Amino acid sequence: QVRLVESGGGSVQAGGSLSLSCAASGSISKIDSMGWYREAPGKQRELVASITTDSTTNYADSVKGRFTISRDNAKNTVYLQMNSLKPEDGAVYYCNLDGREYRFPSWIKRSYWGQGTQVTVSS
């Protein structure tokens, strides 16, 4: 079982910055990617950014140029630096880990989620 513990978030004025971090603990055979999703009231959960173990990144168009995702593979930790925040960035941000476990004779995909952390951006 894998546990994701998020930290960071909070409240900031538009144009400000916040950073999030997420540490994974527990046992999983292989981590494919870690990332951040967000869910605003009345909206579906959406991908914000993700990063693979070889540091390939993927960003939502709405955050490109403003957010930066990074990871420390040795610590199984992923970070999200959010700059130039806008009110529409306000949401609950969830850490995600996608990986695989080996259960002979197959690899089984697993997806884990953090508990979520609130980001509020005031205009």
PDB file of N, CA and C in Angstrom:
ATOM      1  N   GLN A   1       0.841  -1.186   0.000  1.00  0.00           N
ATOM      2  CA  GLN A   1       0.000   0.000   0.000  1.00  0.00           C
ATOM      3  C   GLN A   1       0.881   1.243   0.000  1.00  0.00           C
ATOM      4  N   VAL A   2       0.436   2.262  -0.700  1.00  0.00           N
ATOM      5  CA  VAL A   2       1.170   3.513  -0.805  1.00  0.00           C
ATOM      6  C   VAL A   2       0.367   4.628  -0.148  1.00  0.00           C
ATOM      7  N   ARG A   3       1.060   5.452   0.591  1.00  0.00           N
ATOM      8  CA  ARG A   3       0.421   6.603   1.224  1.00  0.00           C
ATOM      9  C   ARG A   3       1.061   7.871   0.677  1.00  0.00           C
ATOM     10  N   LEU A   4       0.227   8.842   0.319  1.00  0.00           N
ATOM     11  CA  LEU A   4       0.698  10.126  -0.190  1.00  0.00           C
ATOM     12  C   LEU A   4       0.347  11.201   0.825  1.00  0.00           C
ATOM     13  N   VAL A   5       1.360  11.935   1.254  1.00  0.00           N
ATOM     14  CA  VAL A   5       1.156  13.001   2.232  1.00  0.00           C
ATOM     15  C   VAL A   5       1.502  14.328   1.583  1.00  0.00           C
ATOM     16  N   GLU A   6       0.512  15.182   1.479  1.00  0.00           N
ATOM     17  CA  GLU A   6       0.673  16.490   0.836  1.00  0.00           C
ATOM     18  C   GLU A   6       0.939  17.560   1.880  1.00  0.00           C
ATOM     19  N   SER A   7       1.656  18.579   1.464  1.00  0.00           N
ATOM     20  CA  SER A   7       1.861  19.748   2.305  1.00  0.00           C
ATOM     21  C   SER A   7       1.945  20.977   1.417  1.00  0.00           C
ATOM     22  N   GLY A   8       1.742  22.108   2.035  1.00  0.00           N
ATOM     23  CA  GLY A   8       1.729  23.357   1.276  1.00  0.00           C
ATOM     24  C   GLY A   8       0.303  23.796   1.048  1.00  0.00           C
ATOM     25  N   GLY A   9       0.112  24.642   0.078  1.00  0.00           N
ATOM     26  CA  GLY A   9      -1.205  25.187  -0.166  1.00  0.00           C
ATOM     27  C   GLY A   9      -1.469  26.358   0.760  1.00  0.00           C
ATOM     28  N   GLY A  10      -2.734  26.809   0.767  1.00  0.00           N
ATOM     29  CA  GLY A  10      -3.111  27.929   1.597  1.00  0.00           C
ATOM     30  C   GLY A  10      -3.781  29.010   0.782  1.00  0.00           C
ATOM     31  N   SER A  11      -3.700  30.228   1.281  1.00  0.00           N
ATOM     32  CA  SER A  11      -4.368  31.351   0.633  1.00  0.00           C
ATOM     33  C   SER A  11      -3.350  32.380   0.180  1.00  0.00           C
ATOM     34  N   VAL A  12      -3.598  32.966  -0.979  1.00  0.00           N
ATOM     35  CA  VAL A  12      -2.688  33.962  -1.533  1.00  0.00           C
ATOM     36  C   VAL A  12      -3.482  34.912  -2.413  1.00  0.00           C
ATOM     37  N   GLN A  13      -2.949  36.100  -2.597  1.00  0.00           N
ATOM     38  CA  GLN A  13      -3.592  37.038  -3.515  1.00  0.00           C
ATOM     39  C   GLN A  13      -3.172  36.735  -4.945  1.00  0.00           C
ATOM     40  N   ALA A  14      -3.998  37.143  -5.869  1.00  0.00           N
ATOM     41  CA  ALA A  14      -3.686  36.948  -7.282  1.00  0.00           C
ATOM     42  C   ALA A  14      -2.313  37.543  -7.596  1.00  0.00           C
ATOM     43  N   GLY A  15      -1.553  36.791  -8.373  1.00  0.00           N
ATOM     44  CA  GLY A  15      -0.199  37.199  -8.709  1.00  0.00           C
ATOM     45  C   GLY A  15       0.852  36.624  -7.788  1.00  0.00           C
ATOM     46  N   GLY A  16       0.403  36.047  -6.696  1.00  0.00           N
ATOM     47  CA  GLY A  16       1.323  35.468  -5.730  1.00  0.00           C
ATOM     48  C   GLY A  16       1.753  34.065  -6.089  1.00  0.00           C
ATOM     49  N   SER A  17       2.506  33.461  -5.168  1.00  0.00           N
ATOM     50  CA  SER A  17       3.063  32.128  -5.394  1.00  0.00           C
ATOM     51  C   SER A  17       2.778  31.220  -4.209  1.00  0.00           C
ATOM     52  N   LEU A  18       2.670  29.959  -4.512  1.00  0.00           N
ATOM     53  CA  LEU A  18       2.544  28.922  -3.498  1.00  0.00           C
ATOM     54  C   LEU A  18       3.299  27.696  -3.985  1.00  0.00           C
ATOM     55  N   SER A  19       3.683  26.856  -3.050  1.00  0.00           N
ATOM     56  CA  SER A  19       4.315  25.604  -3.435  1.00  0.00           C
ATOM     57  C   SER A  19       3.660  24.453  -2.705  1.00  0.00           C
ATOM     58  N   LEU A  20       3.580  23.345  -3.387  1.00  0.00           N
ATOM     59  CA  LEU A  20       3.029  22.121  -2.836  1.00  0.00           C
ATOM     60  C   LEU A  20       4.089  21.035  -2.885  1.00  0.00           C
ATOM     61  N   SER A  21       4.023  20.134  -1.940  1.00  0.00           N
ATOM     62  CA  SER A  21       4.879  18.960  -1.996  1.00  0.00           C
ATOM     63  C   SER A  21       4.064  17.734  -1.613  1.00  0.00           C
ATOM     64  N   CYS A  22       4.509  16.604  -2.085  1.00  0.00           N
ATOM     65  CA  CYS A  22       3.810  15.348  -1.831  1.00  0.00           C
ATOM     66  C   CYS A  22       4.846  14.244  -1.694  1.00  0.00           C
ATOM     67  N   ALA A  23       4.842  13.603  -0.541  1.00  0.00           N
ATOM     68  CA  ALA A  23       5.787  12.523  -0.278  1.00  0.00           C
ATOM     69  C   ALA A  23       5.051  11.194  -0.277  1.00  0.00           C
ATOM     70  N   ALA A  24       5.593  10.250  -1.017  1.00  0.00           N
ATOM     71  CA  ALA A  24       5.009   8.920  -1.093  1.00  0.00           C
ATOM     72  C   ALA A  24       5.772   7.978  -0.170  1.00  0.00           C
ATOM     73  N   SER A  25       5.026   7.189   0.572  1.00  0.00           N
ATOM     74  CA  SER A  25       5.634   6.164   1.417  1.00  0.00           C
ATOM     75  C   SER A  25       4.906   4.852   1.197  1.00  0.00           C
ATOM     76  N   GLY A  26       5.567   3.770   1.575  1.00  0.00           N
ATOM     77  CA  GLY A  26       4.969   2.468   1.362  1.00  0.00           C
ATOM     78  C   GLY A  26       5.701   1.704   0.284  1.00  0.00           C
ATOM     79  N   SER A  27       5.084   0.662  -0.186  1.00  0.00           N
ATOM     80  CA  SER A  27       5.753  -0.235  -1.117  1.00  0.00           C
ATOM     81  C   SER A  27       5.018  -0.328  -2.437  1.00  0.00           C
ATOM     82  N   ILE A  28       5.744  -0.063  -3.494  1.00  0.00           N
ATOM     83  CA  ILE A  28       5.218  -0.278  -4.834  1.00  0.00           C
ATOM     84  C   ILE A  28       6.390  -0.666  -5.722  1.00  0.00           C
ATOM     85  N   SER A  29       6.158  -1.610  -6.600  1.00  0.00           N
ATOM     86  CA  SER A  29       7.261  -2.144  -7.393  1.00  0.00           C
ATOM     87  C   SER A  29       7.859  -1.097  -8.325  1.00  0.00           C
ATOM     88  N   LYS A  30       7.007  -0.343  -8.964  1.00  0.00           N
ATOM     89  CA  LYS A  30       7.501   0.611  -9.951  1.00  0.00           C
ATOM     90  C   LYS A  30       6.603   1.830  -9.983  1.00  0.00           C
ATOM     91  N   ILE A  31       7.206   2.993  -9.897  1.00  0.00           N
ATOM     92  CA  ILE A  31       6.465   4.251 -10.036  1.00  0.00           C
ATOM     93  C   ILE A  31       6.619   4.719 -11.471  1.00  0.00           C
ATOM     94  N   ASP A  32       5.514   4.945 -12.134  1.00  0.00           N
ATOM     95  CA  ASP A  32       5.548   5.446 -13.512  1.00  0.00           C
ATOM     96  C   ASP A  32       5.518   6.970 -13.544  1.00  0.00           C
ATOM     97  N   SER A  33       4.646   7.555 -12.774  1.00  0.00           N
ATOM     98  CA  SER A  33       4.563   9.015 -12.756  1.00  0.00           C
ATOM     99  C   SER A  33       3.932   9.489 -11.458  1.00  0.00           C
ATOM    100  N   MET A  34       4.224  10.730 -11.143  1.00  0.00           N
ATOM    101  CA  MET A  34       3.563  11.416 -10.043  1.00  0.00           C
ATOM    102  C   MET A  34       3.058  12.741 -10.578  1.00  0.00           C
ATOM    103  N   GLY A  35       2.018  13.231  -9.971  1.00  0.00           N
ATOM    104  CA  GLY A  35       1.480  14.477 -10.499  1.00  0.00           C
ATOM    105  C   GLY A  35       0.482  15.126  -9.573  1.00  0.00           C
ATOM    106  N   TRP A  36      -0.066  16.213 -10.079  1.00  0.00           N
ATOM    107  CA  TRP A  36      -1.053  16.983  -9.335  1.00  0.00           C
ATOM    108  C   TRP A  36      -2.302  17.177 -10.180  1.00  0.00           C
ATOM    109  N   TYR A  37      -3.429  16.979  -9.545  1.00  0.00           N
ATOM    110  CA  TYR A  37      -4.731  17.268 -10.132  1.00  0.00           C
ATOM    111  C   TYR A  37      -5.407  18.304  -9.242  1.00  0.00           C
ATOM    112  N   ARG A  38      -6.419  18.944  -9.776  1.00  0.00           N
ATOM    113  CA  ARG A  38      -7.187  19.880  -8.963  1.00  0.00           C
ATOM    114  C   ARG A  38      -8.664  19.738  -9.261  1.00  0.00           C
ATOM    115  N   GLU A  39      -9.434  20.082  -8.253  1.00  0.00           N
ATOM    116  CA  GLU A  39     -10.888  19.988  -8.381  1.00  0.00           C
ATOM    117  C   GLU A  39     -11.500  21.218  -7.748  1.00  0.00           C
ATOM    118  N   ALA A  40     -12.135  22.027  -8.577  1.00  0.00           N
ATOM    119  CA  ALA A  40     -12.830  23.210  -8.099  1.00  0.00           C
ATOM    120  C   ALA A  40     -14.305  22.886  -7.899  1.00  0.00           C
ATOM    121  N   PRO A  41     -14.997  23.630  -7.068  1.00  0.00           N
ATOM    122  CA  PRO A  41     -16.425  23.359  -6.827  1.00  0.00           C
ATOM    123  C   PRO A  41     -17.212  23.356  -8.131  1.00  0.00           C
ATOM    124  N   GLY A  42     -17.980  22.301  -8.342  1.00  0.00           N
ATOM    125  CA  GLY A  42     -18.819  22.199  -9.519  1.00  0.00           C
ATOM    126  C   GLY A  42     -18.088  21.796 -10.780  1.00  0.00           C
ATOM    127  N   LYS A  43     -16.798  21.505 -10.661  1.00  0.00           N
ATOM    128  CA  LYS A  43     -16.019  21.119 -11.833  1.00  0.00           C
ATOM    129  C   LYS A  43     -15.416  19.747 -11.633  1.00  0.00           C
ATOM    130  N   GLN A  44     -15.056  19.136 -12.754  1.00  0.00           N
ATOM    131  CA  GLN A  44     -14.423  17.825 -12.692  1.00  0.00           C
ATOM    132  C   GLN A  44     -12.948  17.963 -12.298  1.00  0.00           C
ATOM    133  N   ARG A  45     -12.435  16.924 -11.705  1.00  0.00           N
ATOM    134  CA  ARG A  45     -11.023  16.900 -11.375  1.00  0.00           C
ATOM    135  C   ARG A  45     -10.228  16.914 -12.680  1.00  0.00           C
ATOM    136  N   GLU A  46      -9.199  17.760 -12.712  1.00  0.00           N
ATOM    137  CA  GLU A  46      -8.414  17.886 -13.927  1.00  0.00           C
ATOM    138  C   GLU A  46      -6.926  17.785 -13.630  1.00  0.00           C
ATOM    139  N   LEU A  47      -6.196  17.315 -14.607  1.00  0.00           N
ATOM    140  CA  LEU A  47      -4.746  17.239 -14.483  1.00  0.00           C
ATOM    141  C   LEU A  47      -4.162  18.646 -14.496  1.00  0.00           C
ATOM    142  N   VAL A  48      -3.258  18.898 -13.557  1.00  0.00           N
ATOM    143  CA  VAL A  48      -2.502  20.152 -13.545  1.00  0.00           C
ATOM    144  C   VAL A  48      -1.127  19.922 -14.155  1.00  0.00           C
ATOM    145  N   ALA A  49      -0.429  18.939 -13.626  1.00  0.00           N
ATOM    146  CA  ALA A  49       0.912  18.638 -14.122  1.00  0.00           C
ATOM    147  C   ALA A  49       1.301  17.251 -13.655  1.00  0.00           C
ATOM    148  N   SER A  50       2.130  16.598 -14.457  1.00  0.00           N
ATOM    149  CA  SER A  50       2.647  15.293 -14.074  1.00  0.00           C
ATOM    150  C   SER A  50       4.093  15.183 -14.511  1.00  0.00           C
ATOM    151  N   ILE A  51       4.805  14.243 -13.888  1.00  0.00           N
ATOM    152  CA  ILE A  51       6.213  14.045 -14.203  1.00  0.00           C
ATOM    153  C   ILE A  51       6.541  12.569 -14.058  1.00  0.00           C
ATOM    154  N   THR A  52       7.254  12.028 -15.033  1.00  0.00           N
ATOM    155  CA  THR A  52       7.641  10.627 -14.987  1.00  0.00           C
ATOM    156  C   THR A  52       8.980  10.476 -14.270  1.00  0.00           C
ATOM    157  N   THR A  53       9.396   9.229 -14.084  1.00  0.00           N
ATOM    158  CA  THR A  53      10.652   8.986 -13.386  1.00  0.00           C
ATOM    159  C   THR A  53      11.848   9.488 -14.178  1.00  0.00           C
ATOM    160  N   ASP A  54      11.700   9.627 -15.497  1.00  0.00           N
ATOM    161  CA  ASP A  54      12.805  10.195 -16.283  1.00  0.00           C
ATOM    162  C   ASP A  54      12.600  11.680 -16.522  1.00  0.00           C
ATOM    163  N   SER A  55      11.729  12.282 -15.697  1.00  0.00           N
ATOM    164  CA  SER A  55      11.507  13.728 -15.667  1.00  0.00           C
ATOM    165  C   SER A  55      10.798  14.295 -16.889  1.00  0.00           C
ATOM    166  N   THR A  56      10.097  13.461 -17.613  1.00  0.00           N
ATOM    167  CA  THR A  56       9.240  13.982 -18.673  1.00  0.00           C
ATOM    168  C   THR A  56       8.019  14.626 -18.031  1.00  0.00           C
ATOM    169  N   THR A  57       7.755  15.870 -18.386  1.00  0.00           N
ATOM    170  CA  THR A  57       6.657  16.597 -17.761  1.00  0.00           C
ATOM    171  C   THR A  57       5.498  16.829 -18.717  1.00  0.00           C
ATOM    172  N   ASN A  58       4.340  17.022 -18.119  1.00  0.00           N
ATOM    173  CA  ASN A  58       3.126  17.317 -18.870  1.00  0.00           C
ATOM    174  C   ASN A  58       2.340  18.338 -18.057  1.00  0.00           C
ATOM    175  N   TYR A  59       1.913  19.407 -18.721  1.00  0.00           N
ATOM    176  CA  TYR A  59       1.186  20.471 -18.042  1.00  0.00           C
ATOM    177  C   TYR A  59      -0.148  20.741 -18.717  1.00  0.00           C
ATOM    178  N   ALA A  60      -1.122  21.130 -17.922  1.00  0.00           N
ATOM    179  CA  ALA A  60      -2.357  21.662 -18.489  1.00  0.00           C
ATOM    180  C   ALA A  60      -2.030  22.989 -19.179  1.00  0.00           C
ATOM    181  N   ASP A  61      -2.700  23.251 -20.278  1.00  0.00           N
ATOM    182  CA  ASP A  61      -2.431  24.500 -21.014  1.00  0.00           C
ATOM    183  C   ASP A  61      -2.615  25.722 -20.117  1.00  0.00           C
ATOM    184  N   SER A  62      -3.552  25.639 -19.195  1.00  0.00           N
ATOM    185  CA  SER A  62      -3.884  26.798 -18.368  1.00  0.00           C
ATOM    186  C   SER A  62      -2.784  27.171 -17.382  1.00  0.00           C
ATOM    187  N   VAL A  63      -1.836  26.267 -17.142  1.00  0.00           N
ATOM    188  CA  VAL A  63      -0.782  26.552 -16.151  1.00  0.00           C
ATOM    189  C   VAL A  63       0.605  26.625 -16.773  1.00  0.00           C
ATOM    190  N   LYS A  64       0.711  26.352 -18.053  1.00  0.00           N
ATOM    191  CA  LYS A  64       2.027  26.378 -18.708  1.00  0.00           C
ATOM    192  C   LYS A  64       2.656  27.759 -18.571  1.00  0.00           C
ATOM    193  N   GLY A  65       3.937  27.743 -18.201  1.00  0.00           N
ATOM    194  CA  GLY A  65       4.651  28.993 -18.019  1.00  0.00           C
ATOM    195  C   GLY A  65       4.509  29.593 -16.640  1.00  0.00           C
ATOM    196  N   ARG A  66       3.577  29.077 -15.851  1.00  0.00           N
ATOM    197  CA  ARG A  66       3.367  29.610 -14.499  1.00  0.00           C
ATOM    198  C   ARG A  66       3.692  28.584 -13.420  1.00  0.00           C
ATOM    199  N   PHE A  67       3.401  27.313 -13.697  1.00  0.00           N
ATOM    200  CA  PHE A  67       3.629  26.250 -12.724  1.00  0.00           C
ATOM    201  C   PHE A  67       4.822  25.406 -13.167  1.00  0.00           C
ATOM    202  N   THR A  68       5.536  24.885 -12.185  1.00  0.00           N
ATOM    203  CA  THR A  68       6.654  23.996 -12.458  1.00  0.00           C
ATOM    204  C   THR A  68       6.563  22.778 -11.556  1.00  0.00           C
ATOM    205  N   ILE A  69       6.583  21.604 -12.166  1.00  0.00           N
ATOM    206  CA  ILE A  69       6.578  20.369 -11.401  1.00  0.00           C
ATOM    207  C   ILE A  69       7.982  19.778 -11.397  1.00  0.00           C
ATOM    208  N   SER A  70       8.366  19.218 -10.278  1.00  0.00           N
ATOM    209  CA  SER A  70       9.672  18.572 -10.168  1.00  0.00           C
ATOM    210  C   SER A  70       9.547  17.404  -9.199  1.00  0.00           C
ATOM    211  N   ARG A  71      10.559  16.566  -9.175  1.00  0.00           N
ATOM    212  CA  ARG A  71      10.503  15.418  -8.278  1.00  0.00           C
ATOM    213  C   ARG A  71      11.888  15.042  -7.788  1.00  0.00           C
ATOM    214  N   ASP A  72      11.892  14.423  -6.641  1.00  0.00           N
ATOM    215  CA  ASP A  72      13.108  13.849  -6.064  1.00  0.00           C
ATOM    216  C   ASP A  72      12.864  12.355  -5.994  1.00  0.00           C
ATOM    217  N   ASN A  73      13.434  11.618  -6.937  1.00  0.00           N
ATOM    218  CA  ASN A  73      13.174  10.174  -7.002  1.00  0.00           C
ATOM    219  C   ASN A  73      13.659   9.461  -5.752  1.00  0.00           C
ATOM    220  N   ALA A  74      14.764   9.919  -5.195  1.00  0.00           N
ATOM    221  CA  ALA A  74      15.312   9.255  -4.013  1.00  0.00           C
ATOM    222  C   ALA A  74      14.365   9.377  -2.826  1.00  0.00           C
ATOM    223  N   LYS A  75      13.621  10.472  -2.780  1.00  0.00           N
ATOM    224  CA  LYS A  75      12.695  10.698  -1.671  1.00  0.00           C
ATOM    225  C   LYS A  75      11.252  10.364  -2.053  1.00  0.00           C
ATOM    226  N   ASN A  76      11.031   9.940  -3.298  1.00  0.00           N
ATOM    227  CA  ASN A  76       9.665   9.694  -3.782  1.00  0.00           C
ATOM    228  C   ASN A  76       8.760  10.880  -3.478  1.00  0.00           C
ATOM    229  N   THR A  77       9.273  12.051  -3.772  1.00  0.00           N
ATOM    230  CA  THR A  77       8.550  13.286  -3.491  1.00  0.00           C
ATOM    231  C   THR A  77       8.396  14.093  -4.768  1.00  0.00           C
ATOM    232  N   VAL A  78       7.224  14.681  -4.927  1.00  0.00           N
ATOM    233  CA  VAL A  78       6.949  15.534  -6.074  1.00  0.00           C
ATOM    234  C   VAL A  78       6.569  16.923  -5.554  1.00  0.00           C
ATOM    235  N   TYR A  79       7.000  17.927  -6.302  1.00  0.00           N
ATOM    236  CA  TYR A  79       6.774  19.303  -5.912  1.00  0.00           C
ATOM    237  C   TYR A  79       6.017  20.037  -7.024  1.00  0.00           C
ATOM    238  N   LEU A  80       5.263  21.044  -6.625  1.00  0.00           N
ATOM    239  CA  LEU A  80       4.611  21.904  -7.600  1.00  0.00           C
ATOM    240  C   LEU A  80       4.806  23.348  -7.161  1.00  0.00           C
ATOM    241  N   GLN A  81       5.569  24.089  -7.939  1.00  0.00           N
ATOM    242  CA  GLN A  81       5.759  25.504  -7.701  1.00  0.00           C
ATOM    243  C   GLN A  81       4.753  26.271  -8.550  1.00  0.00           C
ATOM    244  N   MET A  82       3.924  27.062  -7.887  1.00  0.00           N
ATOM    245  CA  MET A  82       2.865  27.784  -8.586  1.00  0.00           C
ATOM    246  C   MET A  82       3.123  29.283  -8.483  1.00  0.00           C
ATOM    247  N   ASN A  83       3.361  29.891  -9.604  1.00  0.00           N
ATOM    248  CA  ASN A  83       3.614  31.327  -9.661  1.00  0.00           C
ATOM    249  C   ASN A  83       2.518  32.039 -10.445  1.00  0.00           C
ATOM    250  N   SER A  84       2.446  33.336 -10.288  1.00  0.00           N
ATOM    251  CA  SER A  84       1.453  34.156 -11.000  1.00  0.00           C
ATOM    252  C   SER A  84       0.059  33.557 -10.865  1.00  0.00           C
ATOM    253  N   LEU A  85      -0.303  33.226  -9.666  1.00  0.00           N
ATOM    254  CA  LEU A  85      -1.578  32.555  -9.431  1.00  0.00           C
ATOM    255  C   LEU A  85      -2.748  33.450  -9.782  1.00  0.00           C
ATOM    256  N   LYS A  86      -3.783  32.817 -10.290  1.00  0.00           N
ATOM    257  CA  LYS A  86      -5.021  33.488 -10.685  1.00  0.00           C
ATOM    258  C   LYS A  86      -6.170  32.962  -9.840  1.00  0.00           C
ATOM    259  N   PRO A  87      -7.222  33.745  -9.683  1.00  0.00           N
ATOM    260  CA  PRO A  87      -8.371  33.238  -8.905  1.00  0.00           C
ATOM    261  C   PRO A  87      -8.894  31.902  -9.424  1.00  0.00           C
ATOM    262  N   GLU A  88      -8.816  31.697 -10.730  1.00  0.00           N
ATOM    263  CA  GLU A  88      -9.316  30.438 -11.288  1.00  0.00           C
ATOM    264  C   GLU A  88      -8.417  29.247 -10.975  1.00  0.00           C
ATOM    265  N   ASP A  89      -7.252  29.488 -10.383  1.00  0.00           N
ATOM    266  CA  ASP A  89      -6.408  28.380  -9.934  1.00  0.00           C
ATOM    267  C   ASP A  89      -6.869  27.831  -8.587  1.00  0.00           C
ATOM    268  N   GLY A  90      -7.755  28.539  -7.925  1.00  0.00           N
ATOM    269  CA  GLY A  90      -8.240  28.081  -6.630  1.00  0.00           C
ATOM    270  C   GLY A  90      -8.988  26.764  -6.753  1.00  0.00           C
ATOM    271  N   ALA A  91      -8.621  25.816  -5.934  1.00  0.00           N
ATOM    272  CA  ALA A  91      -9.218  24.473  -5.981  1.00  0.00           C
ATOM    273  C   ALA A  91      -8.591  23.632  -4.875  1.00  0.00           C
ATOM    274  N   VAL A  92      -9.111  22.425  -4.733  1.00  0.00           N
ATOM    275  CA  VAL A  92      -8.422  21.435  -3.916  1.00  0.00           C
ATOM    276  C   VAL A  92      -7.452  20.696  -4.835  1.00  0.00           C
ATOM    277  N   TYR A  93      -6.203  20.678  -4.447  1.00  0.00           N
ATOM    278  CA  TYR A  93      -5.167  20.038  -5.243  1.00  0.00           C
ATOM    279  C   TYR A  93      -4.859  18.655  -4.657  1.00  0.00           C
ATOM    280  N   TYR A  94      -4.849  17.667  -5.529  1.00  0.00           N
ATOM    281  CA  TYR A  94      -4.625  16.289  -5.128  1.00  0.00           C
ATOM    282  C   TYR A  94      -3.346  15.761  -5.750  1.00  0.00           C
ATOM    283  N   CYS A  95      -2.556  15.114  -4.930  1.00  0.00           N
ATOM    284  CA  CYS A  95      -1.367  14.429  -5.420  1.00  0.00           C
ATOM    285  C   CYS A  95      -1.775  13.048  -5.946  1.00  0.00           C
ATOM    286  N   ASN A  96      -1.141  12.639  -7.013  1.00  0.00           N
ATOM    287  CA  ASN A  96      -1.430  11.341  -7.621  1.00  0.00           C
ATOM    288  C   ASN A  96      -0.143  10.589  -7.906  1.00  0.00           C
ATOM    289  N   LEU A  97      -0.186   9.308  -7.709  1.00  0.00           N
ATOM    290  CA  LEU A  97       0.935   8.430  -8.073  1.00  0.00           C
ATOM    291  C   LEU A  97       0.380   7.287  -8.905  1.00  0.00           C
ATOM    292  N   ASP A  98       0.941   7.104 -10.073  1.00  0.00           N
ATOM    293  CA  ASP A  98       0.603   5.963 -10.931  1.00  0.00           C
ATOM    294  C   ASP A  98       1.793   5.027 -10.979  1.00  0.00           C
ATOM    295  N   GLY A  99       1.535   3.778 -10.708  1.00  0.00           N
ATOM    296  CA  GLY A  99       2.632   2.819 -10.720  1.00  0.00           C
ATOM    297  C   GLY A  99       2.148   1.427 -11.032  1.00  0.00           C
ATOM    298  N   ARG A 100       3.025   0.470 -10.822  1.00  0.00           N
ATOM    299  CA  ARG A 100       2.706  -0.920 -11.096  1.00  0.00           C
ATOM    300  C   ARG A 100       3.274  -1.820 -10.012  1.00  0.00           C
ATOM    301  N   GLU A 101       2.529  -2.871  -9.727  1.00  0.00           N
ATOM    302  CA  GLU A 101       2.985  -3.917  -8.819  1.00  0.00           C
ATOM    303  C   GLU A 101       3.080  -5.215  -9.597  1.00  0.00           C
ATOM    304  N   TYR A 102       4.103  -5.996  -9.285  1.00  0.00           N
ATOM    305  CA  TYR A 102       4.257  -7.272  -9.978  1.00  0.00           C
ATOM    306  C   TYR A 102       3.570  -8.361  -9.178  1.00  0.00           C
ATOM    307  N   ARG A 103       2.597  -8.924  -9.819  1.00  0.00           N
ATOM    308  CA  ARG A 103       1.887 -10.079  -9.272  1.00  0.00           C
ATOM    309  C   ARG A 103       1.966 -11.162 -10.330  1.00  0.00           C
ATOM    310  N   PHE A 104       2.888 -12.092 -10.119  1.00  0.00           N
ATOM    311  CA  PHE A 104       3.167 -13.117 -11.129  1.00  0.00           C
ATOM    312  C   PHE A 104       1.881 -13.666 -11.744  1.00  0.00           C
ATOM    313  N   PRO A 105       1.802 -13.713 -13.071  1.00  0.00           N
ATOM    314  CA  PRO A 105       2.835 -13.378 -14.045  1.00  0.00           C
ATOM    315  C   PRO A 105       2.687 -12.000 -14.689  1.00  0.00           C
ATOM    316  N   SER A 106       1.918 -11.110 -14.024  1.00  0.00           N
ATOM    317  CA  SER A 106       1.600  -9.833 -14.690  1.00  0.00           C
ATOM    318  C   SER A 106       1.949  -8.644 -13.817  1.00  0.00           C
ATOM    319  N   TRP A 107       2.105  -7.490 -14.480  1.00  0.00           N
ATOM    320  CA  TRP A 107       2.202  -6.200 -13.796  1.00  0.00           C
ATOM    321  C   TRP A 107       0.782  -5.651 -13.651  1.00  0.00           C
ATOM    322  N   ILE A 108       0.459  -5.224 -12.448  1.00  0.00           N
ATOM    323  CA  ILE A 108      -0.864  -4.688 -12.152  1.00  0.00           C
ATOM    324  C   ILE A 108      -0.736  -3.174 -11.961  1.00  0.00           C
ATOM    325  N   LYS A 109      -1.502  -2.401 -12.724  1.00  0.00           N
ATOM    326  CA  LYS A 109      -1.463  -0.952 -12.569  1.00  0.00           C
ATOM    327  C   LYS A 109      -2.147  -0.528 -11.270  1.00  0.00           C
ATOM    328  N   ARG A 110      -1.546   0.462 -10.623  1.00  0.00           N
ATOM    329  CA  ARG A 110      -2.100   1.011  -9.394  1.00  0.00           C
ATOM    330  C   ARG A 110      -2.103   2.532  -9.484  1.00  0.00           C
ATOM    331  N   SER A 111      -3.090   3.143  -8.891  1.00  0.00           N
ATOM    332  CA  SER A 111      -3.166   4.599  -8.841  1.00  0.00           C
ATOM    333  C   SER A 111      -3.548   5.001  -7.423  1.00  0.00           C
ATOM    334  N   TYR A 112      -2.797   5.936  -6.876  1.00  0.00           N
ATOM    335  CA  TYR A 112      -3.018   6.356  -5.504  1.00  0.00           C
ATOM    336  C   TYR A 112      -3.231   7.872  -5.458  1.00  0.00           C
ATOM    337  N   TRP A 113      -3.994   8.300  -4.434  1.00  0.00           N
ATOM    338  CA  TRP A 113      -4.319   9.720  -4.293  1.00  0.00           C
ATOM    339  C   TRP A 113      -4.027  10.209  -2.880  1.00  0.00           C
ATOM    340  N   GLY A 114      -3.619  11.472  -2.798  1.00  0.00           N
ATOM    341  CA  GLY A 114      -3.489  12.104  -1.512  1.00  0.00           C
ATOM    342  C   GLY A 114      -4.847  12.589  -1.024  1.00  0.00           C
ATOM    343  N   GLN A 115      -4.834  13.181   0.159  1.00  0.00           N
ATOM    344  CA  GLN A 115      -6.085  13.611   0.774  1.00  0.00           C
ATOM    345  C   GLN A 115      -6.566  14.950   0.239  1.00  0.00           C
ATOM    346  N   GLY A 116      -5.710  15.663  -0.442  1.00  0.00           N
ATOM    347  CA  GLY A 116      -6.072  16.957  -1.015  1.00  0.00           C
ATOM    348  C   GLY A 116      -5.652  18.101  -0.122  1.00  0.00           C
ATOM    349  N   THR A 117      -5.267  19.207  -0.750  1.00  0.00           N
ATOM    350  CA  THR A 117      -4.908  20.409  -0.015  1.00  0.00           C
ATOM    351  C   THR A 117      -5.537  21.608  -0.718  1.00  0.00           C
ATOM    352  N   GLN A 118      -6.073  22.523   0.065  1.00  0.00           N
ATOM    353  CA  GLN A 118      -6.810  23.652  -0.489  1.00  0.00           C
ATOM    354  C   GLN A 118      -5.872  24.761  -0.936  1.00  0.00           C
ATOM    355  N   VAL A 119      -6.118  25.271  -2.124  1.00  0.00           N
ATOM    356  CA  VAL A 119      -5.434  26.465  -2.619  1.00  0.00           C
ATOM    357  C   VAL A 119      -6.509  27.506  -2.917  1.00  0.00           C
ATOM    358  N   THR A 120      -6.381  28.659  -2.281  1.00  0.00           N
ATOM    359  CA  THR A 120      -7.338  29.745  -2.471  1.00  0.00           C
ATOM    360  C   THR A 120      -6.603  30.969  -2.987  1.00  0.00           C
ATOM    361  N   VAL A 121      -7.095  31.535  -4.078  1.00  0.00           N
ATOM    362  CA  VAL A 121      -6.471  32.709  -4.678  1.00  0.00           C
ATOM    363  C   VAL A 121      -7.507  33.827  -4.726  1.00  0.00           C
ATOM    364  N   SER A 122      -7.237  34.896  -4.032  1.00  0.00           N
ATOM    365  CA  SER A 122      -8.180  36.009  -3.982  1.00  0.00           C
ATOM    366  C   SER A 122      -7.783  37.082  -4.996  1.00  0.00           C
ATOM    367  N   SER A 123      -8.799  37.719  -5.518  1.00  0.00           N
ATOM    368  CA  SER A 123      -8.550  38.751  -6.543  1.00  0.00           C
ATOM    369  C   SER A 123      -8.300  40.114  -5.925  1.00  0.00           C
TER     370      SER A 123
END
